[in-house]
Amino acid sequence: MFKELVDSGSFDCFLDSKFMISNKLRTQEIDPLPLTLIDGTVNYYVNQVVSLSIQLPCRSLYMIECYVTTLDGSENGILP
């Protein structure tokens, strides 16, 4: 199970680093990308991405790439 937050203001998918570690998901290293917050500031860079296959309740299957970061809430990920 995956508890996510749908954020219509987000342009990318994000996955919590603790969820990634506890589920032993394989990451790929990427060149550091700035994580721009809603106020336009950059205080963090992401350097890992995870490819996930997700299935929605309607049984549609999608492949998504999520940047790995630390999320503050109780969600495991953020989807745009």
Protein backbone atom coordinates (compact mmCIF):
# COMPACT_ATOMS: atom_id res chain seq x y z
CA MET A 1 0.00 0.00 0.00
CA PHE A 2 1.12 3.49 -0.82
CA LYS A 3 -0.28 6.59 0.92
CA GLU A 4 0.18 9.58 -1.35
CA LEU A 5 -0.73 13.22 -1.52
CA VAL A 6 -2.04 14.57 -4.82
CA ASP A 7 -0.67 18.07 -5.31
CA SER A 8 -2.01 19.88 -8.36
CA GLY A 9 0.73 22.51 -7.94
CA SER A 10 3.55 19.99 -8.22
CA PHE A 11 5.23 19.33 -11.55
CA ASP A 12 6.97 16.10 -10.47
CA CYS A 13 6.44 12.95 -8.39
CA PHE A 14 8.26 12.54 -5.08
CA LEU A 15 8.87 9.54 -2.84
CA ASP A 16 9.78 9.68 0.84
CA SER A 17 13.31 8.40 1.49
CA LYS A 18 12.19 6.35 4.54
CA PHE A 19 9.53 4.59 2.43
CA MET A 20 12.11 3.89 -0.26
CA ILE A 21 14.56 2.38 2.26
CA SER A 22 11.96 0.33 4.17
CA ASN A 23 10.65 -1.17 0.91
CA LYS A 24 14.16 -1.77 -0.47
CA LEU A 25 13.43 0.06 -3.71
CA ARG A 26 16.24 0.40 -6.20
CA THR A 27 17.26 3.96 -6.99
CA GLN A 28 19.23 5.53 -9.78
CA GLU A 29 21.71 8.30 -9.11
CA ILE A 30 21.14 11.49 -11.09
CA ASP A 31 22.94 14.80 -11.30
CA PRO A 32 21.74 17.01 -8.42
CA LEU A 33 18.56 18.91 -9.25
CA PRO A 34 17.37 21.89 -7.19
CA LEU A 35 14.07 21.36 -5.40
CA THR A 36 12.26 24.68 -5.79
CA LEU A 37 9.70 25.39 -3.08
CA ILE A 38 6.41 27.21 -3.59
CA ASP A 39 7.98 30.52 -2.52
CA GLY A 40 10.70 30.15 -5.16
CA THR A 41 13.51 29.30 -2.75
CA VAL A 42 15.87 26.35 -3.18
CA ASN A 43 17.15 24.75 -0.01
CA TYR A 44 17.54 21.13 -1.10
CA TYR A 45 18.82 19.15 -4.06
CA VAL A 46 17.58 15.71 -5.14
CA ASN A 47 20.07 13.22 -6.54
CA GLN A 48 18.10 9.96 -6.68
CA VAL A 49 15.12 8.77 -8.71
CA VAL A 50 12.95 5.64 -8.34
CA SER A 51 10.91 4.04 -11.12
CA LEU A 52 7.60 2.67 -9.82
CA SER A 53 4.79 0.70 -11.34
CA ILE A 54 1.52 1.81 -9.76
CA GLN A 55 -1.96 0.40 -10.21
CA LEU A 56 -4.99 2.57 -9.54
CA PRO A 57 -8.25 1.17 -8.10
CA CYS A 58 -9.68 1.13 -11.64
CA ARG A 59 -6.86 -1.35 -12.47
CA SER A 60 -5.02 1.08 -14.79
CA LEU A 61 -1.25 0.48 -14.56
CA TYR A 62 1.29 3.31 -14.88
CA MET A 63 5.07 3.61 -14.73
CA ILE A 64 6.20 6.74 -12.94
CA GLU A 65 9.54 8.19 -11.91
CA CYS A 66 9.75 9.78 -8.47
CA TYR A 67 12.46 11.95 -7.04
CA VAL A 68 13.57 10.70 -3.62
CA THR A 69 13.44 13.24 -0.79
CA THR A 70 12.42 13.58 2.85
CA LEU A 71 8.71 14.37 3.18
CA ASP A 72 7.36 16.06 6.31
CA GLY A 73 3.87 14.55 6.43
CA SER A 74 2.50 11.06 6.90
CA GLU A 75 2.35 10.44 3.14
CA ASN A 76 4.76 8.15 1.31
CA GLY A 77 4.75 10.16 -1.87
CA ILE A 78 3.45 13.17 -3.78
CA LEU A 79 1.81 12.87 -7.17
CA PRO A 80 1.04 15.86 -9.44
